[in-house]
Amino acid sequence: MAHGHTITIERGGRHVRVVHDGRVLAESDRPLVLRETGCPVRYYLPAEDVRLDLLTPSDTRTYCPFKGTASYWSLPEAPDLVWAYPDPKPDVREIKDHLCFYEVEVS
């Protein structure tokens, strides 16, 4: 990691639910909680807990020097709502096969 930049990943014990326009897109009791310097806390959910049948893969790709290249999924009215790192860098390998949403409810 770059000087002063840290990423920590831990197993979350809380229930995470993602609802968009009244539709539940994901629900998990097994989130990974990712904390990164300068970024909001993010919840990465196992792919099995995400309604991938409702999402469409996007052509968008972004690159993070700390996590790798992200792929995105969209809803018709919400482009690039979800992302994942299919081949994450070794320091964050736990997030492989997990997806992250911008807006989540944690209980």
PDB file of N, CA and C in Angstrom:
ATOM      1  N   MET A   1       0.839  -1.181   0.000  1.00  0.00           N
ATOM      2  CA  MET A   1       0.000   0.000   0.000  1.00  0.00           C
ATOM      3  C   MET A   1       0.888   1.249   0.000  1.00  0.00           C
ATOM      4  N   ALA A   2       0.383   2.288  -0.602  1.00  0.00           N
ATOM      5  CA  ALA A   2       1.114   3.554  -0.630  1.00  0.00           C
ATOM      6  C   ALA A   2       1.210   4.103   0.784  1.00  0.00           C
ATOM      7  N   HIS A   3       2.231   4.909   1.012  1.00  0.00           N
ATOM      8  CA  HIS A   3       2.422   5.505   2.335  1.00  0.00           C
ATOM      9  C   HIS A   3       1.162   6.259   2.757  1.00  0.00           C
ATOM     10  N   GLY A   4       0.651   5.913   3.931  1.00  0.00           N
ATOM     11  CA  GLY A   4      -0.524   6.602   4.433  1.00  0.00           C
ATOM     12  C   GLY A   4      -1.846   6.076   3.899  1.00  0.00           C
ATOM     13  N   HIS A   5      -1.815   5.130   2.966  1.00  0.00           N
ATOM     14  CA  HIS A   5      -3.062   4.573   2.409  1.00  0.00           C
ATOM     15  C   HIS A   5      -3.234   3.170   2.966  1.00  0.00           C
ATOM     16  N   THR A   6      -4.364   2.943   3.625  1.00  0.00           N
ATOM     17  CA  THR A   6      -4.602   1.603   4.155  1.00  0.00           C
ATOM     18  C   THR A   6      -5.974   1.097   3.723  1.00  0.00           C
ATOM     19  N   ILE A   7      -6.048  -0.212   3.586  1.00  0.00           N
ATOM     20  CA  ILE A   7      -7.317  -0.894   3.345  1.00  0.00           C
ATOM     21  C   ILE A   7      -7.384  -2.027   4.362  1.00  0.00           C
ATOM     22  N   THR A   8      -8.496  -2.086   5.090  1.00  0.00           N
ATOM     23  CA  THR A   8      -8.715  -3.224   5.977  1.00  0.00           C
ATOM     24  C   THR A   8     -10.018  -3.890   5.561  1.00  0.00           C
ATOM     25  N   ILE A   9     -10.044  -5.208   5.680  1.00  0.00           N
ATOM     26  CA  ILE A   9     -11.228  -5.990   5.334  1.00  0.00           C
ATOM     27  C   ILE A   9     -11.520  -6.905   6.511  1.00  0.00           C
ATOM     28  N   GLU A  10     -12.759  -6.869   6.973  1.00  0.00           N
ATOM     29  CA  GLU A  10     -13.143  -7.781   8.053  1.00  0.00           C
ATOM     30  C   GLU A  10     -14.517  -8.354   7.755  1.00  0.00           C
ATOM     31  N   ARG A  11     -14.802  -9.489   8.360  1.00  0.00           N
ATOM     32  CA  ARG A  11     -16.129 -10.101   8.216  1.00  0.00           C
ATOM     33  C   ARG A  11     -17.101  -9.285   9.050  1.00  0.00           C
ATOM     34  N   GLY A  12     -18.181  -8.877   8.406  1.00  0.00           N
ATOM     35  CA  GLY A  12     -19.186  -8.107   9.130  1.00  0.00           C
ATOM     36  C   GLY A  12     -20.197  -9.044   9.756  1.00  0.00           C
ATOM     37  N   GLY A  13     -20.681  -8.689  10.950  1.00  0.00           N
ATOM     38  CA  GLY A  13     -21.662  -9.531  11.617  1.00  0.00           C
ATOM     39  C   GLY A  13     -23.084  -9.002  11.461  1.00  0.00           C
ATOM     40  N   ARG A  14     -23.241  -7.932  10.689  1.00  0.00           N
ATOM     41  CA  ARG A  14     -24.553  -7.305  10.582  1.00  0.00           C
ATOM     42  C   ARG A  14     -25.253  -7.716   9.295  1.00  0.00           C
ATOM     43  N   HIS A  15     -26.554  -7.481   9.289  1.00  0.00           N
ATOM     44  CA  HIS A  15     -27.373  -7.814   8.128  1.00  0.00           C
ATOM     45  C   HIS A  15     -27.337  -6.638   7.152  1.00  0.00           C
ATOM     46  N   VAL A  16     -27.018  -6.923   5.904  1.00  0.00           N
ATOM     47  CA  VAL A  16     -26.951  -5.881   4.878  1.00  0.00           C
ATOM     48  C   VAL A  16     -28.001  -6.179   3.816  1.00  0.00           C
ATOM     49  N   ARG A  17     -28.741  -5.132   3.446  1.00  0.00           N
ATOM     50  CA  ARG A  17     -29.811  -5.282   2.469  1.00  0.00           C
ATOM     51  C   ARG A  17     -29.684  -4.132   1.475  1.00  0.00           C
ATOM     52  N   VAL A  18     -29.874  -4.447   0.199  1.00  0.00           N
ATOM     53  CA  VAL A  18     -29.832  -3.420  -0.843  1.00  0.00           C
ATOM     54  C   VAL A  18     -31.197  -3.374  -1.515  1.00  0.00           C
ATOM     55  N   VAL A  19     -31.842  -2.213  -1.440  1.00  0.00           N
ATOM     56  CA  VAL A  19     -33.152  -2.022  -2.054  1.00  0.00           C
ATOM     57  C   VAL A  19     -33.042  -0.843  -3.012  1.00  0.00           C
ATOM     58  N   HIS A  20     -33.530  -1.026  -4.226  1.00  0.00           N
ATOM     59  CA  HIS A  20     -33.548   0.069  -5.203  1.00  0.00           C
ATOM     60  C   HIS A  20     -34.944   0.135  -5.806  1.00  0.00           C
ATOM     61  N   ASP A  21     -35.591   1.282  -5.677  1.00  0.00           N
ATOM     62  CA  ASP A  21     -36.956   1.462  -6.189  1.00  0.00           C
ATOM     63  C   ASP A  21     -37.894   0.358  -5.720  1.00  0.00           C
ATOM     64  N   GLY A  22     -37.780  -0.018  -4.447  1.00  0.00           N
ATOM     65  CA  GLY A  22     -38.688  -1.018  -3.881  1.00  0.00           C
ATOM     66  C   GLY A  22     -38.313  -2.458  -4.156  1.00  0.00           C
ATOM     67  N   ARG A  23     -37.278  -2.696  -4.960  1.00  0.00           N
ATOM     68  CA  ARG A  23     -36.849  -4.069  -5.254  1.00  0.00           C
ATOM     69  C   ARG A  23     -35.626  -4.418  -4.414  1.00  0.00           C
ATOM     70  N   VAL A  24     -35.660  -5.593  -3.805  1.00  0.00           N
ATOM     71  CA  VAL A  24     -34.486  -6.056  -3.064  1.00  0.00           C
ATOM     72  C   VAL A  24     -33.487  -6.619  -4.075  1.00  0.00           C
ATOM     73  N   LEU A  25     -32.307  -6.001  -4.125  1.00  0.00           N
ATOM     74  CA  LEU A  25     -31.270  -6.457  -5.054  1.00  0.00           C
ATOM     75  C   LEU A  25     -30.272  -7.394  -4.387  1.00  0.00           C
ATOM     76  N   ALA A  26     -30.155  -7.273  -3.077  1.00  0.00           N
ATOM     77  CA  ALA A  26     -29.211  -8.138  -2.358  1.00  0.00           C
ATOM     78  C   ALA A  26     -29.583  -8.148  -0.884  1.00  0.00           C
ATOM     79  N   GLU A  27     -29.282  -9.277  -0.254  1.00  0.00           N
ATOM     80  CA  GLU A  27     -29.511  -9.406   1.179  1.00  0.00           C
ATOM     81  C   GLU A  27     -28.491 -10.414   1.691  1.00  0.00           C
ATOM     82  N   SER A  28     -27.731 -10.026   2.731  1.00  0.00           N
ATOM     83  CA  SER A  28     -26.661 -10.910   3.180  1.00  0.00           C
ATOM     84  C   SER A  28     -26.403 -10.746   4.672  1.00  0.00           C
ATOM     85  N   ASP A  29     -26.089 -11.867   5.301  1.00  0.00           N
ATOM     86  CA  ASP A  29     -25.601 -11.852   6.675  1.00  0.00           C
ATOM     87  C   ASP A  29     -24.097 -12.125   6.689  1.00  0.00           C
ATOM     88  N   ARG A  30     -23.481 -12.105   5.504  1.00  0.00           N
ATOM     89  CA  ARG A  30     -22.056 -12.454   5.395  1.00  0.00           C
ATOM     90  C   ARG A  30     -21.260 -11.363   4.677  1.00  0.00           C
ATOM     91  N   PRO A  31     -21.500 -10.085   5.004  1.00  0.00           N
ATOM     92  CA  PRO A  31     -20.774  -9.056   4.264  1.00  0.00           C
ATOM     93  C   PRO A  31     -19.307  -9.002   4.675  1.00  0.00           C
ATOM     94  N   LEU A  32     -18.490  -8.542   3.760  1.00  0.00           N
ATOM     95  CA  LEU A  32     -17.130  -8.128   4.100  1.00  0.00           C
ATOM     96  C   LEU A  32     -17.169  -6.611   4.217  1.00  0.00           C
ATOM     97  N   VAL A  33     -16.587  -6.085   5.280  1.00  0.00           N
ATOM     98  CA  VAL A  33     -16.560  -4.645   5.511  1.00  0.00           C
ATOM     99  C   VAL A  33     -15.178  -4.143   5.107  1.00  0.00           C
ATOM    100  N   LEU A  34     -15.151  -3.273   4.091  1.00  0.00           N
ATOM    101  CA  LEU A  34     -13.884  -2.752   3.580  1.00  0.00           C
ATOM    102  C   LEU A  34     -13.770  -1.285   3.971  1.00  0.00           C
ATOM    103  N   ARG A  35     -12.700  -0.985   4.683  1.00  0.00           N
ATOM    104  CA  ARG A  35     -12.403   0.403   5.056  1.00  0.00           C
ATOM    105  C   ARG A  35     -11.142   0.824   4.324  1.00  0.00           C
ATOM    106  N   GLU A  36     -11.233   1.949   3.633  1.00  0.00           N
ATOM    107  CA  GLU A  36     -10.108   2.440   2.829  1.00  0.00           C
ATOM    108  C   GLU A  36      -9.909   3.918   3.125  1.00  0.00           C
ATOM    109  N   THR A  37      -8.662   4.307   3.269  1.00  0.00           N
ATOM    110  CA  THR A  37      -8.319   5.700   3.542  1.00  0.00           C
ATOM    111  C   THR A  37      -9.023   6.624   2.557  1.00  0.00           C
ATOM    112  N   GLY A  38      -9.734   7.619   3.083  1.00  0.00           N
ATOM    113  CA  GLY A  38     -10.359   8.631   2.236  1.00  0.00           C
ATOM    114  C   GLY A  38     -11.648   8.206   1.554  1.00  0.00           C
ATOM    115  N   CYS A  39     -12.161   7.009   1.865  1.00  0.00           N
ATOM    116  CA  CYS A  39     -13.370   6.504   1.203  1.00  0.00           C
ATOM    117  C   CYS A  39     -14.395   6.111   2.270  1.00  0.00           C
ATOM    118  N   PRO A  40     -15.695   6.119   1.892  1.00  0.00           N
ATOM    119  CA  PRO A  40     -16.689   5.619   2.842  1.00  0.00           C
ATOM    120  C   PRO A  40     -16.533   4.115   3.050  1.00  0.00           C
ATOM    121  N   VAL A  41     -17.019   3.630   4.189  1.00  0.00           N
ATOM    122  CA  VAL A  41     -17.028   2.180   4.440  1.00  0.00           C
ATOM    123  C   VAL A  41     -17.864   1.521   3.350  1.00  0.00           C
ATOM    124  N   ARG A  42     -17.374   0.433   2.801  1.00  0.00           N
ATOM    125  CA  ARG A  42     -18.098  -0.302   1.762  1.00  0.00           C
ATOM    126  C   ARG A  42     -18.348  -1.720   2.233  1.00  0.00           C
ATOM    127  N   TYR A  43     -19.516  -2.234   1.850  1.00  0.00           N
ATOM    128  CA  TYR A  43     -19.895  -3.611   2.165  1.00  0.00           C
ATOM    129  C   TYR A  43     -19.835  -4.429   0.889  1.00  0.00           C
ATOM    130  N   TYR A  44     -18.988  -5.453   0.884  1.00  0.00           N
ATOM    131  CA  TYR A  44     -18.876  -6.364  -0.258  1.00  0.00           C
ATOM    132  C   TYR A  44     -19.659  -7.625   0.089  1.00  0.00           C
ATOM    133  N   LEU A  45     -20.626  -7.953  -0.763  1.00  0.00           N
ATOM    134  CA  LEU A  45     -21.537  -9.061  -0.495  1.00  0.00           C
ATOM    135  C   LEU A  45     -21.219 -10.250  -1.387  1.00  0.00           C
ATOM    136  N   PRO A  46     -21.327 -11.472  -0.853  1.00  0.00           N
ATOM    137  CA  PRO A  46     -21.073 -12.661  -1.682  1.00  0.00           C
ATOM    138  C   PRO A  46     -22.014 -12.666  -2.893  1.00  0.00           C
ATOM    139  N   ALA A  47     -21.484 -13.073  -4.032  1.00  0.00           N
ATOM    140  CA  ALA A  47     -22.277 -13.077  -5.270  1.00  0.00           C
ATOM    141  C   ALA A  47     -23.571 -13.876  -5.111  1.00  0.00           C
ATOM    142  N   GLU A  48     -23.546 -14.950  -4.296  1.00  0.00           N
ATOM    143  CA  GLU A  48     -24.751 -15.779  -4.120  1.00  0.00           C
ATOM    144  C   GLU A  48     -25.876 -15.004  -3.441  1.00  0.00           C
ATOM    145  N   ASP A  49     -25.528 -13.907  -2.744  1.00  0.00           N
ATOM    146  CA  ASP A  49     -26.533 -13.127  -2.010  1.00  0.00           C
ATOM    147  C   ASP A  49     -27.045 -11.926  -2.809  1.00  0.00           C
ATOM    148  N   VAL A  50     -26.647 -11.850  -4.082  1.00  0.00           N
ATOM    149  CA  VAL A  50     -27.024 -10.723  -4.949  1.00  0.00           C
ATOM    150  C   VAL A  50     -27.929 -11.235  -6.067  1.00  0.00           C
ATOM    151  N   ARG A  51     -28.984 -10.490  -6.371  1.00  0.00           N
ATOM    152  CA  ARG A  51     -29.910 -10.860  -7.448  1.00  0.00           C
ATOM    153  C   ARG A  51     -29.310 -10.482  -8.802  1.00  0.00           C
ATOM    154  N   LEU A  52     -28.329 -11.252  -9.217  1.00  0.00           N
ATOM    155  CA  LEU A  52     -27.657 -10.976 -10.496  1.00  0.00           C
ATOM    156  C   LEU A  52     -28.620 -11.086 -11.673  1.00  0.00           C
ATOM    157  N   ASP A  53     -29.726 -11.830 -11.481  1.00  0.00           N
ATOM    158  CA  ASP A  53     -30.713 -11.960 -12.557  1.00  0.00           C
ATOM    159  C   ASP A  53     -31.397 -10.627 -12.863  1.00  0.00           C
ATOM    160  N   LEU A  54     -31.356  -9.679 -11.931  1.00  0.00           N
ATOM    161  CA  LEU A  54     -31.966  -8.365 -12.154  1.00  0.00           C
ATOM    162  C   LEU A  54     -30.987  -7.355 -12.743  1.00  0.00           C
ATOM    163  N   LEU A  55     -29.706  -7.711 -12.753  1.00  0.00           N
ATOM    164  CA  LEU A  55     -28.656  -6.766 -13.149  1.00  0.00           C
ATOM    165  C   LEU A  55     -28.077  -7.125 -14.506  1.00  0.00           C
ATOM    166  N   THR A  56     -27.643  -6.113 -15.228  1.00  0.00           N
ATOM    167  CA  THR A  56     -27.051  -6.304 -16.551  1.00  0.00           C
ATOM    168  C   THR A  56     -25.589  -5.884 -16.508  1.00  0.00           C
ATOM    169  N   PRO A  57     -24.671  -6.760 -16.972  1.00  0.00           N
ATOM    170  CA  PRO A  57     -23.269  -6.350 -17.004  1.00  0.00           C
ATOM    171  C   PRO A  57     -23.089  -5.089 -17.854  1.00  0.00           C
ATOM    172  N   SER A  58     -22.214  -4.234 -17.399  1.00  0.00           N
ATOM    173  CA  SER A  58     -21.931  -2.967 -18.075  1.00  0.00           C
ATOM    174  C   SER A  58     -20.562  -3.064 -18.743  1.00  0.00           C
ATOM    175  N   ASP A  59     -20.311  -2.185 -19.700  1.00  0.00           N
ATOM    176  CA  ASP A  59     -18.981  -2.131 -20.327  1.00  0.00           C
ATOM    177  C   ASP A  59     -18.005  -1.302 -19.504  1.00  0.00           C
ATOM    178  N   THR A  60     -18.499  -0.653 -18.463  1.00  0.00           N
ATOM    179  CA  THR A  60     -17.637   0.218 -17.651  1.00  0.00           C
ATOM    180  C   THR A  60     -16.577  -0.588 -16.915  1.00  0.00           C
ATOM    181  N   ARG A  61     -15.357  -0.068 -16.914  1.00  0.00           N
ATOM    182  CA  ARG A  61     -14.257  -0.613 -16.123  1.00  0.00           C
ATOM    183  C   ARG A  61     -13.546   0.566 -15.483  1.00  0.00           C
ATOM    184  N   THR A  62     -13.166   0.402 -14.232  1.00  0.00           N
ATOM    185  CA  THR A  62     -12.343   1.416 -13.587  1.00  0.00           C
ATOM    186  C   THR A  62     -11.151   0.711 -12.960  1.00  0.00           C
ATOM    187  N   TYR A  63     -10.087   1.468 -12.749  1.00  0.00           N
ATOM    188  CA  TYR A  63      -8.881   0.885 -12.182  1.00  0.00           C
ATOM    189  C   TYR A  63      -8.548   1.571 -10.867  1.00  0.00           C
ATOM    190  N   CYS A  64      -8.325   0.779  -9.842  1.00  0.00           N
ATOM    191  CA  CYS A  64      -7.861   1.265  -8.548  1.00  0.00           C
ATOM    192  C   CYS A  64      -6.453   0.714  -8.334  1.00  0.00           C
ATOM    193  N   PRO A  65      -5.483   1.581  -8.033  1.00  0.00           N
ATOM    194  CA  PRO A  65      -4.113   1.074  -7.857  1.00  0.00           C
ATOM    195  C   PRO A  65      -3.973   0.126  -6.663  1.00  0.00           C
ATOM    196  N   PHE A  66      -4.947   0.147  -5.759  1.00  0.00           N
ATOM    197  CA  PHE A  66      -4.875  -0.684  -4.557  1.00  0.00           C
ATOM    198  C   PHE A  66      -5.702  -1.958  -4.654  1.00  0.00           C
ATOM    199  N   LYS A  67      -6.777  -1.927  -5.468  1.00  0.00           N
ATOM    200  CA  LYS A  67      -7.671  -3.090  -5.543  1.00  0.00           C
ATOM    201  C   LYS A  67      -7.647  -3.782  -6.897  1.00  0.00           C
ATOM    202  N   GLY A  68      -7.337  -3.077  -7.971  1.00  0.00           N
ATOM    203  CA  GLY A  68      -7.307  -3.684  -9.296  1.00  0.00           C
ATOM    204  C   GLY A  68      -8.374  -3.091 -10.202  1.00  0.00           C
ATOM    205  N   THR A  69      -8.811  -3.864 -11.199  1.00  0.00           N
ATOM    206  CA  THR A  69      -9.794  -3.394 -12.177  1.00  0.00           C
ATOM    207  C   THR A  69     -11.181  -3.867 -11.779  1.00  0.00           C
ATOM    208  N   ALA A  70     -12.118  -2.920 -11.738  1.00  0.00           N
ATOM    209  CA  ALA A  70     -13.493  -3.221 -11.350  1.00  0.00           C
ATOM    210  C   ALA A  70     -14.375  -3.381 -12.574  1.00  0.00           C
ATOM    211  N   SER A  71     -15.302  -4.317 -12.499  1.00  0.00           N
ATOM    212  CA  SER A  71     -16.366  -4.491 -13.490  1.00  0.00           C
ATOM    213  C   SER A  71     -17.660  -4.007 -12.849  1.00  0.00           C
ATOM    214  N   TYR A  72     -18.620  -3.587 -13.683  1.00  0.00           N
ATOM    215  CA  TYR A  72     -19.861  -3.000 -13.182  1.00  0.00           C
ATOM    216  C   TYR A  72     -21.087  -3.693 -13.745  1.00  0.00           C
ATOM    217  N   TRP A  73     -22.211  -3.547 -13.015  1.00  0.00           N
ATOM    218  CA  TRP A  73     -23.524  -4.018 -13.444  1.00  0.00           C
ATOM    219  C   TRP A  73     -24.512  -2.867 -13.282  1.00  0.00           C
ATOM    220  N   SER A  74     -25.566  -2.897 -14.081  1.00  0.00           N
ATOM    221  CA  SER A  74     -26.532  -1.800 -14.088  1.00  0.00           C
ATOM    222  C   SER A  74     -27.959  -2.316 -14.009  1.00  0.00           C
ATOM    223  N   LEU A  75     -28.846  -1.418 -13.601  1.00  0.00           N
ATOM    224  CA  LEU A  75     -30.283  -1.557 -13.798  1.00  0.00           C
ATOM    225  C   LEU A  75     -30.641  -0.598 -14.922  1.00  0.00           C
ATOM    226  N   PRO A  76     -31.774  -0.810 -15.599  1.00  0.00           N
ATOM    227  CA  PRO A  76     -32.122   0.094 -16.707  1.00  0.00           C
ATOM    228  C   PRO A  76     -32.095   1.572 -16.293  1.00  0.00           C
ATOM    229  N   GLU A  77     -32.570   1.858 -15.071  1.00  0.00           N
ATOM    230  CA  GLU A  77     -32.646   3.254 -14.625  1.00  0.00           C
ATOM    231  C   GLU A  77     -31.460   3.659 -13.744  1.00  0.00           C
ATOM    232  N   ALA A  78     -30.516   2.772 -13.526  1.00  0.00           N
ATOM    233  CA  ALA A  78     -29.393   3.057 -12.626  1.00  0.00           C
ATOM    234  C   ALA A  78     -28.110   2.452 -13.172  1.00  0.00           C
ATOM    235  N   PRO A  79     -27.424   3.164 -14.060  1.00  0.00           N
ATOM    236  CA  PRO A  79     -26.191   2.619 -14.630  1.00  0.00           C
ATOM    237  C   PRO A  79     -25.087   2.465 -13.585  1.00  0.00           C
ATOM    238  N   ASP A  80     -24.336   1.387 -13.736  1.00  0.00           N
ATOM    239  CA  ASP A  80     -23.143   1.148 -12.920  1.00  0.00           C
ATOM    240  C   ASP A  80     -23.416   1.255 -11.418  1.00  0.00           C
ATOM    241  N   LEU A  81     -24.496   0.612 -11.005  1.00  0.00           N
ATOM    242  CA  LEU A  81     -24.951   0.644  -9.617  1.00  0.00           C
ATOM    243  C   LEU A  81     -24.134  -0.291  -8.722  1.00  0.00           C
ATOM    244  N   VAL A  82     -23.548  -1.307  -9.312  1.00  0.00           N
ATOM    245  CA  VAL A  82     -22.881  -2.381  -8.587  1.00  0.00           C
ATOM    246  C   VAL A  82     -21.510  -2.606  -9.207  1.00  0.00           C
ATOM    247  N   TRP A  83     -20.522  -2.930  -8.381  1.00  0.00           N
ATOM    248  CA  TRP A  83     -19.215  -3.258  -8.950  1.00  0.00           C
ATOM    249  C   TRP A  83     -18.566  -4.400  -8.190  1.00  0.00           C
ATOM    250  N   ALA A  84     -17.567  -4.979  -8.831  1.00  0.00           N
ATOM    251  CA  ALA A  84     -16.797  -6.062  -8.227  1.00  0.00           C
ATOM    252  C   ALA A  84     -15.408  -6.055  -8.830  1.00  0.00           C
ATOM    253  N   TYR A  85     -14.506  -6.699  -8.147  1.00  0.00           N
ATOM    254  CA  TYR A  85     -13.134  -6.879  -8.645  1.00  0.00           C
ATOM    255  C   TYR A  85     -12.948  -8.360  -8.944  1.00  0.00           C
ATOM    256  N   PRO A  86     -13.113  -8.757 -10.217  1.00  0.00           N
ATOM    257  CA  PRO A  86     -13.031 -10.188 -10.551  1.00  0.00           C
ATOM    258  C   PRO A  86     -11.653 -10.788 -10.282  1.00  0.00           C
ATOM    259  N   ASP A  87     -10.605  -9.947 -10.375  1.00  0.00           N
ATOM    260  CA  ASP A  87      -9.239 -10.435 -10.152  1.00  0.00           C
ATOM    261  C   ASP A  87      -8.513  -9.412  -9.274  1.00  0.00           C
ATOM    262  N   PRO A  88      -8.922  -9.346  -7.977  1.00  0.00           N
ATOM    263  CA  PRO A  88      -8.370  -8.293  -7.123  1.00  0.00           C
ATOM    264  C   PRO A  88      -6.884  -8.497  -6.834  1.00  0.00           C
ATOM    265  N   LYS A  89      -6.238  -7.415  -6.461  1.00  0.00           N
ATOM    266  CA  LYS A  89      -4.819  -7.482  -6.081  1.00  0.00           C
ATOM    267  C   LYS A  89      -4.672  -8.353  -4.830  1.00  0.00           C
ATOM    268  N   PRO A  90      -3.481  -8.959  -4.640  1.00  0.00           N
ATOM    269  CA  PRO A  90      -3.289  -9.918  -3.540  1.00  0.00           C
ATOM    270  C   PRO A  90      -3.659  -9.369  -2.158  1.00  0.00           C
ATOM    271  N   ASP A  91      -3.410  -8.087  -1.887  1.00  0.00           N
ATOM    272  CA  ASP A  91      -3.695  -7.530  -0.560  1.00  0.00           C
ATOM    273  C   ASP A  91      -5.182  -7.510  -0.228  1.00  0.00           C
ATOM    274  N   VAL A  92      -6.028  -7.567  -1.257  1.00  0.00           N
ATOM    275  CA  VAL A  92      -7.483  -7.513  -1.018  1.00  0.00           C
ATOM    276  C   VAL A  92      -8.186  -8.718  -1.644  1.00  0.00           C
ATOM    277  N   ARG A  93      -7.480  -9.839  -1.713  1.00  0.00           N
ATOM    278  CA  ARG A  93      -8.008 -11.021  -2.414  1.00  0.00           C
ATOM    279  C   ARG A  93      -9.335 -11.511  -1.844  1.00  0.00           C
ATOM    280  N   GLU A  94      -9.648 -11.161  -0.576  1.00  0.00           N
ATOM    281  CA  GLU A  94     -10.910 -11.618   0.031  1.00  0.00           C
ATOM    282  C   GLU A  94     -12.138 -11.105  -0.714  1.00  0.00           C
ATOM    283  N   ILE A  95     -12.011  -9.962  -1.421  1.00  0.00           N
ATOM    284  CA  ILE A  95     -13.209  -9.400  -2.071  1.00  0.00           C
ATOM    285  C   ILE A  95     -13.540 -10.078  -3.399  1.00  0.00           C
ATOM    286  N   LYS A  96     -12.719 -11.035  -3.826  1.00  0.00           N
ATOM    287  CA  LYS A  96     -13.046 -11.785  -5.045  1.00  0.00           C
ATOM    288  C   LYS A  96     -14.406 -12.465  -4.849  1.00  0.00           C
ATOM    289  N   ASP A  97     -15.222 -12.474  -5.904  1.00  0.00           N
ATOM    290  CA  ASP A  97     -16.565 -13.086  -5.878  1.00  0.00           C
ATOM    291  C   ASP A  97     -17.522 -12.368  -4.926  1.00  0.00           C
ATOM    292  N   HIS A  98     -17.247 -11.114  -4.625  1.00  0.00           N
ATOM    293  CA  HIS A  98     -18.127 -10.272  -3.820  1.00  0.00           C
ATOM    294  C   HIS A  98     -18.479  -9.023  -4.623  1.00  0.00           C
ATOM    295  N   LEU A  99     -19.692  -8.516  -4.420  1.00  0.00           N
ATOM    296  CA  LEU A  99     -20.140  -7.318  -5.137  1.00  0.00           C
ATOM    297  C   LEU A  99     -20.433  -6.205  -4.142  1.00  0.00           C
ATOM    298  N   CYS A 100     -20.288  -4.974  -4.614  1.00  0.00           N
ATOM    299  CA  CYS A 100     -20.472  -3.813  -3.772  1.00  0.00           C
ATOM    300  C   CYS A 100     -21.460  -2.849  -4.420  1.00  0.00           C
ATOM    301  N   PHE A 101     -22.310  -2.244  -3.588  1.00  0.00           N
ATOM    302  CA  PHE A 101     -23.328  -1.292  -4.040  1.00  0.00           C
ATOM    303  C   PHE A 101     -23.033   0.068  -3.414  1.00  0.00           C
ATOM    304  N   TYR A 102     -23.465   1.114  -4.099  1.00  0.00           N
ATOM    305  CA  TYR A 102     -23.288   2.456  -3.530  1.00  0.00           C
ATOM    306  C   TYR A 102     -24.144   2.667  -2.295  1.00  0.00           C
ATOM    307  N   GLU A 103     -25.390   2.196  -2.323  1.00  0.00           N
ATOM    308  CA  GLU A 103     -26.316   2.442  -1.215  1.00  0.00           C
ATOM    309  C   GLU A 103     -26.723   1.108  -0.584  1.00  0.00           C
ATOM    310  N   VAL A 104     -26.507   0.977   0.715  1.00  0.00           N
ATOM    311  CA  VAL A 104     -26.930  -0.235   1.418  1.00  0.00           C
ATOM    312  C   VAL A 104     -27.616   0.142   2.725  1.00  0.00           C
ATOM    313  N   GLU A 105     -28.458  -0.757   3.208  1.00  0.00           N
ATOM    314  CA  GLU A 105     -29.066  -0.621   4.531  1.00  0.00           C
ATOM    315  C   GLU A 105     -28.396  -1.648   5.423  1.00  0.00           C
ATOM    316  N   VAL A 106     -27.925  -1.208   6.564  1.00  0.00           N
ATOM    317  CA  VAL A 106     -27.260  -2.121   7.510  1.00  0.00           C
ATOM    318  C   VAL A 106     -28.087  -2.165   8.784  1.00  0.00           C
ATOM    319  N   SER A 107     -28.378  -3.376   9.243  1.00  0.00           N
ATOM    320  CA  SER A 107     -29.158  -3.494  10.483  1.00  0.00           C
ATOM    321  C   SER A 107     -28.509  -4.482  11.432  1.00  0.00           C
TER     322      SER A 107
END
